[in-house]
PDB file of N, CA and C in Angstrom:
ATOM      1  N   MET A   1     100.020 109.931  96.899  1.00  0.00           N
ATOM      2  CA  MET A   1     100.572 108.995  95.934  1.00  0.00           C
ATOM      3  C   MET A   1      99.436 108.341  95.149  1.00  0.00           C
ATOM      4  N   GLU A   2      99.576 108.302  93.844  1.00  0.00           N
ATOM      5  CA  GLU A   2      98.552 107.687  93.000  1.00  0.00           C
ATOM      6  C   GLU A   2      98.657 106.174  93.041  1.00  0.00           C
ATOM      7  N   ASP A   3      97.500 105.516  92.970  1.00  0.00           N
ATOM      8  CA  ASP A   3      97.500 104.060  92.889  1.00  0.00           C
ATOM      9  C   ASP A   3      98.133 103.622  91.577  1.00  0.00           C
ATOM     10  N   ILE A   4      98.863 102.519  91.607  1.00  0.00           N
ATOM     11  CA  ILE A   4      99.408 101.977  90.364  1.00  0.00           C
ATOM     12  C   ILE A   4      98.623 100.755  89.898  1.00  0.00           C
ATOM     13  N   LEU A   5      97.794 100.213  90.799  1.00  0.00           N
ATOM     14  CA  LEU A   5      96.939  99.081  90.448  1.00  0.00           C
ATOM     15  C   LEU A   5      95.501  99.412  90.783  1.00  0.00           C
ATOM     16  N   TYR A   6      94.595  98.977  89.898  1.00  0.00           N
ATOM     17  CA  TYR A   6      93.168  99.177  90.125  1.00  0.00           C
ATOM     18  C   TYR A   6      92.449  97.841  90.062  1.00  0.00           C
ATOM     19  N   THR A   7      91.415  97.701  90.867  1.00  0.00           N
ATOM     20  CA  THR A   7      90.527  96.551  90.727  1.00  0.00           C
ATOM     21  C   THR A   7      89.661  96.797  89.495  1.00  0.00           C
ATOM     22  N   VAL A   8      88.953  95.782  89.074  1.00  0.00           N
ATOM     23  CA  VAL A   8      88.051  95.938  87.928  1.00  0.00           C
ATOM     24  C   VAL A   8      86.993  96.996  88.242  1.00  0.00           C
ATOM     25  N   THR A   9      86.466  96.987  89.444  1.00  0.00           N
ATOM     26  CA  THR A   9      85.451  97.974  89.838  1.00  0.00           C
ATOM     27  C   THR A   9      86.015  99.385  89.811  1.00  0.00           C
ATOM     28  N   GLU A  10      87.225  99.558  90.334  1.00  0.00           N
ATOM     29  CA  GLU A  10      87.852 100.886  90.320  1.00  0.00           C
ATOM     30  C   GLU A  10      88.110 101.345  88.890  1.00  0.00           C
ATOM     31  N   ALA A  11      88.606 100.450  88.045  1.00  0.00           N
ATOM     32  CA  ALA A  11      88.856 100.797  86.645  1.00  0.00           C
ATOM     33  C   ALA A  11      87.565 101.171  85.943  1.00  0.00           C
ATOM     34  N   SER A  12      86.495 100.446  86.235  1.00  0.00           N
ATOM     35  CA  SER A  12      85.211 100.746  85.582  1.00  0.00           C
ATOM     36  C   SER A  12      84.723 102.150  85.951  1.00  0.00           C
ATOM     37  N   LYS A  13      84.933 102.546  87.188  1.00  0.00           N
ATOM     38  CA  LYS A  13      84.532 103.896  87.606  1.00  0.00           C
ATOM     39  C   LYS A  13      85.381 104.952  86.897  1.00  0.00           C
ATOM     40  N   LEU A  14      86.674 104.667  86.738  1.00  0.00           N
ATOM     41  CA  LEU A  14      87.563 105.619  86.077  1.00  0.00           C
ATOM     42  C   LEU A  14      87.197 105.836  84.620  1.00  0.00           C
ATOM     43  N   ILE A  15      86.761 104.770  83.930  1.00  0.00           N
ATOM     44  CA  ILE A  15      86.419 104.928  82.512  1.00  0.00           C
ATOM     45  C   ILE A  15      84.905 105.054  82.295  1.00  0.00           C
ATOM     46  N   LYS A  16      84.190 105.277  83.395  1.00  0.00           N
ATOM     47  CA  LYS A  16      82.751 105.584  83.348  1.00  0.00           C
ATOM     48  C   LYS A  16      81.925 104.492  82.669  1.00  0.00           C
ATOM     49  N   THR A  17      82.142 103.256  83.103  1.00  0.00           N
ATOM     50  CA  THR A  17      81.390 102.116  82.583  1.00  0.00           C
ATOM     51  C   THR A  17      81.103 101.176  83.754  1.00  0.00           C
ATOM     52  N   ASN A  18      80.740  99.952  83.476  1.00  0.00           N
ATOM     53  CA  ASN A  18      80.448  99.021  84.565  1.00  0.00           C
ATOM     54  C   ASN A  18      81.466  97.873  84.569  1.00  0.00           C
ATOM     55  N   PRO A  19      81.589  97.182  85.704  1.00  0.00           N
ATOM     56  CA  PRO A  19      82.576  96.098  85.796  1.00  0.00           C
ATOM     57  C   PRO A  19      82.386  95.000  84.749  1.00  0.00           C
ATOM     58  N   ALA A  20      81.159  94.659  84.416  1.00  0.00           N
ATOM     59  CA  ALA A  20      80.916  93.605  83.420  1.00  0.00           C
ATOM     60  C   ALA A  20      81.523  93.988  82.073  1.00  0.00           C
ATOM     61  N   TYR A  21      81.434  95.255  81.704  1.00  0.00           N
ATOM     62  CA  TYR A  21      82.009  95.702  80.438  1.00  0.00           C
ATOM     63  C   TYR A  21      83.540  95.667  80.487  1.00  0.00           C
ATOM     64  N   VAL A  22      84.121  96.008  81.635  1.00  0.00           N
ATOM     65  CA  VAL A  22      85.581  95.929  81.773  1.00  0.00           C
ATOM     66  C   VAL A  22      86.029  94.477  81.603  1.00  0.00           C
ATOM     67  N   TYR A  23      85.273  93.530  82.160  1.00  0.00           N
ATOM     68  CA  TYR A  23      85.606  92.122  81.954  1.00  0.00           C
ATOM     69  C   TYR A  23      85.523  91.746  80.468  1.00  0.00           C
ATOM     70  N   LYS A  24      84.579  92.317  79.729  1.00  0.00           N
ATOM     71  CA  LYS A  24      84.509  92.071  78.277  1.00  0.00           C
ATOM     72  C   LYS A  24      85.773  92.580  77.588  1.00  0.00           C
ATOM     73  N   LEU A  25      86.228  93.752  77.976  1.00  0.00           N
ATOM     74  CA  LEU A  25      87.457  94.318  77.409  1.00  0.00           C
ATOM     75  C   LEU A  25      88.662  93.438  77.734  1.00  0.00           C
ATOM     76  N   ILE A  26      88.703  92.923  78.959  1.00  0.00           N
ATOM     77  CA  ILE A  26      89.786  92.040  79.374  1.00  0.00           C
ATOM     78  C   ILE A  26      89.745  90.743  78.576  1.00  0.00           C
ATOM     79  N   ASN A  27      88.564  90.135  78.486  1.00  0.00           N
ATOM     80  CA  ASN A  27      88.415  88.866  77.767  1.00  0.00           C
ATOM     81  C   ASN A  27      88.713  88.996  76.279  1.00  0.00           C
ATOM     82  N   ALA A  28      88.500  90.189  75.728  1.00  0.00           N
ATOM     83  CA  ALA A  28      88.803  90.435  74.316  1.00  0.00           C
ATOM     84  C   ALA A  28      90.295  90.706  74.112  1.00  0.00           C
ATOM     85  N   GLY A  29      91.052  90.788  75.205  1.00  0.00           N
ATOM     86  CA  GLY A  29      92.489  91.029  75.105  1.00  0.00           C
ATOM     87  C   GLY A  29      92.858  92.487  74.921  1.00  0.00           C
ATOM     88  N   LEU A  30      91.933  93.391  75.190  1.00  0.00           N
ATOM     89  CA  LEU A  30      92.204  94.813  74.982  1.00  0.00           C
ATOM     90  C   LEU A  30      92.873  95.475  76.180  1.00  0.00           C
ATOM     91  N   ILE A  31      92.640  94.933  77.374  1.00  0.00           N
ATOM     92  CA  ILE A  31      93.269  95.462  78.581  1.00  0.00           C
ATOM     93  C   ILE A  31      94.008  94.317  79.267  1.00  0.00           C
ATOM     94  N   PRO A  32      95.334  94.416  79.400  1.00  0.00           N
ATOM     95  CA  PRO A  32      96.079  93.364  80.096  1.00  0.00           C
ATOM     96  C   PRO A  32      95.876  93.474  81.611  1.00  0.00           C
ATOM     97  N   VAL A  33      95.910  92.347  82.277  1.00  0.00           N
ATOM     98  CA  VAL A  33      95.696  92.308  83.722  1.00  0.00           C
ATOM     99  C   VAL A  33      96.711  91.387  84.385  1.00  0.00           C
ATOM    100  N   ILE A  34      96.769  91.486  85.704  1.00  0.00           N
ATOM    101  CA  ILE A  34      97.504  90.526  86.507  1.00  0.00           C
ATOM    102  C   ILE A  34      96.566  90.075  87.628  1.00  0.00           C
ATOM    103  N   LYS A  35      96.827  88.909  88.164  1.00  0.00           N
ATOM    104  CA  LYS A  35      95.999  88.417  89.262  1.00  0.00           C
ATOM    105  C   LYS A  35      96.835  88.360  90.525  1.00  0.00           C
ATOM    106  N   LEU A  36      96.464  89.164  91.481  1.00  0.00           N
ATOM    107  CA  LEU A  36      97.084  89.202  92.804  1.00  0.00           C
ATOM    108  C   LEU A  36      95.958  88.997  93.808  1.00  0.00           C
ATOM    109  N   GLY A  37      95.511  87.767  93.932  1.00  0.00           N
ATOM    110  CA  GLY A  37      94.320  87.481  94.734  1.00  0.00           C
ATOM    111  C   GLY A  37      93.089  87.668  93.875  1.00  0.00           C
ATOM    112  N   SER A  38      92.940  88.869  93.323  1.00  0.00           N
ATOM    113  CA  SER A  38      91.868  89.161  92.362  1.00  0.00           C
ATOM    114  C   SER A  38      92.511  89.882  91.178  1.00  0.00           C
ATOM    115  N   ILE A  39      91.734  90.076  90.134  1.00  0.00           N
ATOM    116  CA  ILE A  39      92.236  90.723  88.913  1.00  0.00           C
ATOM    117  C   ILE A  39      92.577  92.182  89.212  1.00  0.00           C
ATOM    118  N   LYS A  40      93.750  92.599  88.760  1.00  0.00           N
ATOM    119  CA  LYS A  40      94.186  93.990  88.896  1.00  0.00           C
ATOM    120  C   LYS A  40      94.630  94.508  87.537  1.00  0.00           C
ATOM    121  N   ILE A  41      94.425  95.806  87.326  1.00  0.00           N
ATOM    122  CA  ILE A  41      94.816  96.481  86.091  1.00  0.00           C
ATOM    123  C   ILE A  41      95.815  97.567  86.462  1.00  0.00           C
ATOM    124  N   ARG A  42      96.966  97.527  85.802  1.00  0.00           N
ATOM    125  CA  ARG A  42      97.965  98.571  86.054  1.00  0.00           C
ATOM    126  C   ARG A  42      97.459  99.907  85.514  1.00  0.00           C
ATOM    127  N   ARG A  43      97.768 100.966  86.223  1.00  0.00           N
ATOM    128  CA  ARG A  43      97.388 102.317  85.790  1.00  0.00           C
ATOM    129  C   ARG A  43      97.938 102.597  84.400  1.00  0.00           C
ATOM    130  N   SER A  44      99.201 102.234  84.157  1.00  0.00           N
ATOM    131  CA  SER A  44      99.814 102.486  82.859  1.00  0.00           C
ATOM    132  C   SER A  44      99.104 101.707  81.747  1.00  0.00           C
ATOM    133  N   SER A  45      98.648 100.504  82.039  1.00  0.00           N
ATOM    134  CA  SER A  45      97.919  99.710  81.037  1.00  0.00           C
ATOM    135  C   SER A  45      96.592 100.363  80.687  1.00  0.00           C
ATOM    136  N   LEU A  46      95.927 100.904  81.693  1.00  0.00           N
ATOM    137  CA  LEU A  46      94.656 101.579  81.449  1.00  0.00           C
ATOM    138  C   LEU A  46      94.859 102.837  80.611  1.00  0.00           C
ATOM    139  N   LEU A  47      95.906 103.590  80.903  1.00  0.00           N
ATOM    140  CA  LEU A  47      96.198 104.796  80.116  1.00  0.00           C
ATOM    141  C   LEU A  47      96.577 104.444  78.678  1.00  0.00           C
ATOM    142  N   GLU A  48      97.359 103.386  78.500  1.00  0.00           N
ATOM    143  CA  GLU A  48      97.732 102.937  77.153  1.00  0.00           C
ATOM    144  C   GLU A  48      96.491 102.496  76.375  1.00  0.00           C
ATOM    145  N   PHE A  49      95.584 101.786  77.029  1.00  0.00           N
ATOM    146  CA  PHE A  49      94.339 101.354  76.405  1.00  0.00           C
ATOM    147  C   PHE A  49      93.539 102.561  75.917  1.00  0.00           C
ATOM    148  N   LEU A  50      93.381 103.568  76.766  1.00  0.00           N
ATOM    149  CA  LEU A  50      92.611 104.756  76.398  1.00  0.00           C
ATOM    150  C   LEU A  50      93.243 105.498  75.226  1.00  0.00           C
ATOM    151  N   GLU A  51      94.558 105.590  75.216  1.00  0.00           N
ATOM    152  CA  GLU A  51      95.243 106.269  74.120  1.00  0.00           C
ATOM    153  C   GLU A  51      95.135 105.467  72.819  1.00  0.00           C
ATOM    154  N   LYS A  52      95.352 104.169  72.908  1.00  0.00           N
ATOM    155  CA  LYS A  52      95.348 103.317  71.718  1.00  0.00           C
ATOM    156  C   LYS A  52      93.984 103.272  71.033  1.00  0.00           C
ATOM    157  N   TYR A  53      92.921 103.258  71.816  1.00  0.00           N
ATOM    158  CA  TYR A  53      91.584 103.088  71.241  1.00  0.00           C
ATOM    159  C   TYR A  53      90.777 104.384  71.150  1.00  0.00           C
ATOM    160  N   GLU A  54      91.433 105.511  71.315  1.00  0.00           N
ATOM    161  CA  GLU A  54      90.757 106.793  71.135  1.00  0.00           C
ATOM    162  C   GLU A  54      90.263 106.890  69.693  1.00  0.00           C
ATOM    163  N   GLY A  55      89.015 107.293  69.515  1.00  0.00           N
ATOM    164  CA  GLY A  55      88.439 107.409  68.185  1.00  0.00           C
ATOM    165  C   GLY A  55      87.862 106.107  67.656  1.00  0.00           C
ATOM    166  N   MET A  56      87.789 105.094  68.518  1.00  0.00           N
ATOM    167  CA  MET A  56      87.282 103.794  68.096  1.00  0.00           C
ATOM    168  C   MET A  56      85.942 103.488  68.774  1.00  0.00           C
ATOM    169  N   ASP A  57      85.140 102.657  68.123  1.00  0.00           N
ATOM    170  CA  ASP A  57      83.873 102.179  68.664  1.00  0.00           C
ATOM    171  C   ASP A  57      84.141 100.830  69.327  1.00  0.00           C
ATOM    172  N   LEU A  58      84.047 100.785  70.646  1.00  0.00           N
ATOM    173  CA  LEU A  58      84.303  99.569  71.408  1.00  0.00           C
ATOM    174  C   LEU A  58      83.022  98.968  71.970  1.00  0.00           C
ATOM    175  N   THR A  59      81.890  99.280  71.334  1.00  0.00           N
ATOM    176  CA  THR A  59      80.622  98.742  71.808  1.00  0.00           C
ATOM    177  C   THR A  59      80.702  97.225  71.928  1.00  0.00           C
ATOM    178  N   GLU A  60      81.260  96.590  70.916  1.00  0.00           N
ATOM    179  CA  GLU A  60      81.522  95.144  70.936  1.00  0.00           C
ATOM    180  C   GLU A  60      83.044  94.972  70.945  1.00  0.00           C
ATOM    181  N   PRO A  61      83.632  94.709  72.111  1.00  0.00           N
ATOM    182  CA  PRO A  61      85.093  94.654  72.210  1.00  0.00           C
ATOM    183  C   PRO A  61      85.777  93.678  71.251  1.00  0.00           C
ATOM    184  N   LYS A  62      85.084  92.661  70.797  1.00  0.00           N
ATOM    185  CA  LYS A  62      85.708  91.718  69.862  1.00  0.00           C
ATOM    186  C   LYS A  62      85.567  92.186  68.413  1.00  0.00           C
ATOM    187  N   GLU A  63      84.860  93.306  68.204  1.00  0.00           N
ATOM    188  CA  GLU A  63      84.674  93.870  66.863  1.00  0.00           C
ATOM    189  C   GLU A  63      84.929  95.370  66.900  1.00  0.00           C
ATOM    190  N   VAL A  64      86.156  95.754  67.195  1.00  0.00           N
ATOM    191  CA  VAL A  64      86.523  97.158  67.305  1.00  0.00           C
ATOM    192  C   VAL A  64      86.453  97.806  65.928  1.00  0.00           C
ATOM    193  N   LYS A  65      85.786  98.969  65.865  1.00  0.00           N
ATOM    194  CA  LYS A  65      85.642  99.694  64.595  1.00  0.00           C
ATOM    195  C   LYS A  65      86.016 101.152  64.807  1.00  0.00           C
ATOM    196  N   LYS A  66      86.357 101.779  63.726  1.00  0.00           N
ATOM    197  CA  LYS A  66      86.612 103.221  63.764  1.00  0.00           C
ATOM    198  C   LYS A  66      85.278 103.930  63.937  1.00  0.00           C
ATOM    199  N   LEU A  67      85.259 104.966  64.752  1.00  0.00           N
ATOM    200  CA  LEU A  67      84.028 105.750  64.926  1.00  0.00           C
ATOM    201  C   LEU A  67      83.664 106.461  63.635  1.00  0.00           C
ATOM    202  N   GLU A  68      82.425 106.393  63.302  1.00  0.00           N
ATOM    203  CA  GLU A  68      81.933 107.108  62.124  1.00  0.00           C
ATOM    204  C   GLU A  68      80.757 107.960  62.529  1.00  0.00           C
ATOM    205  N   PHE A  69      80.788 109.203  62.095  1.00  0.00           N
ATOM    206  CA  PHE A  69      79.725 110.141  62.416  1.00  0.00           C
ATOM    207  C   PHE A  69      78.981 110.497  61.133  1.00  0.00           C
ATOM    208  N   PRO A  70      77.643 110.533  61.200  1.00  0.00           N
ATOM    209  CA  PRO A  70      76.882 110.928  60.004  1.00  0.00           C
ATOM    210  C   PRO A  70      77.187 112.378  59.628  1.00  0.00           C
ATOM    211  N   GLU A  71      77.190 112.633  58.341  1.00  0.00           N
ATOM    212  CA  GLU A  71      77.483 113.992  57.885  1.00  0.00           C
ATOM    213  C   GLU A  71      76.247 114.855  57.899  1.00  0.00           C
TER     214      GLU A  71
END
């Protein structure tokens, strides 16, 4: 059975980043969370986040931009 809730650390491993960056995404309002003792991220919320921001530059979560590649 797949987990339906992830900790921030687990989510960071899934999206190949670090927990501090996941907290930036949360604080910017890009990933919704719930608190059950500690912060948890629903699997469906994480998948929706990845789909919604595909093709975007999230280097600065409060300044999301479209990815641009040099020609």
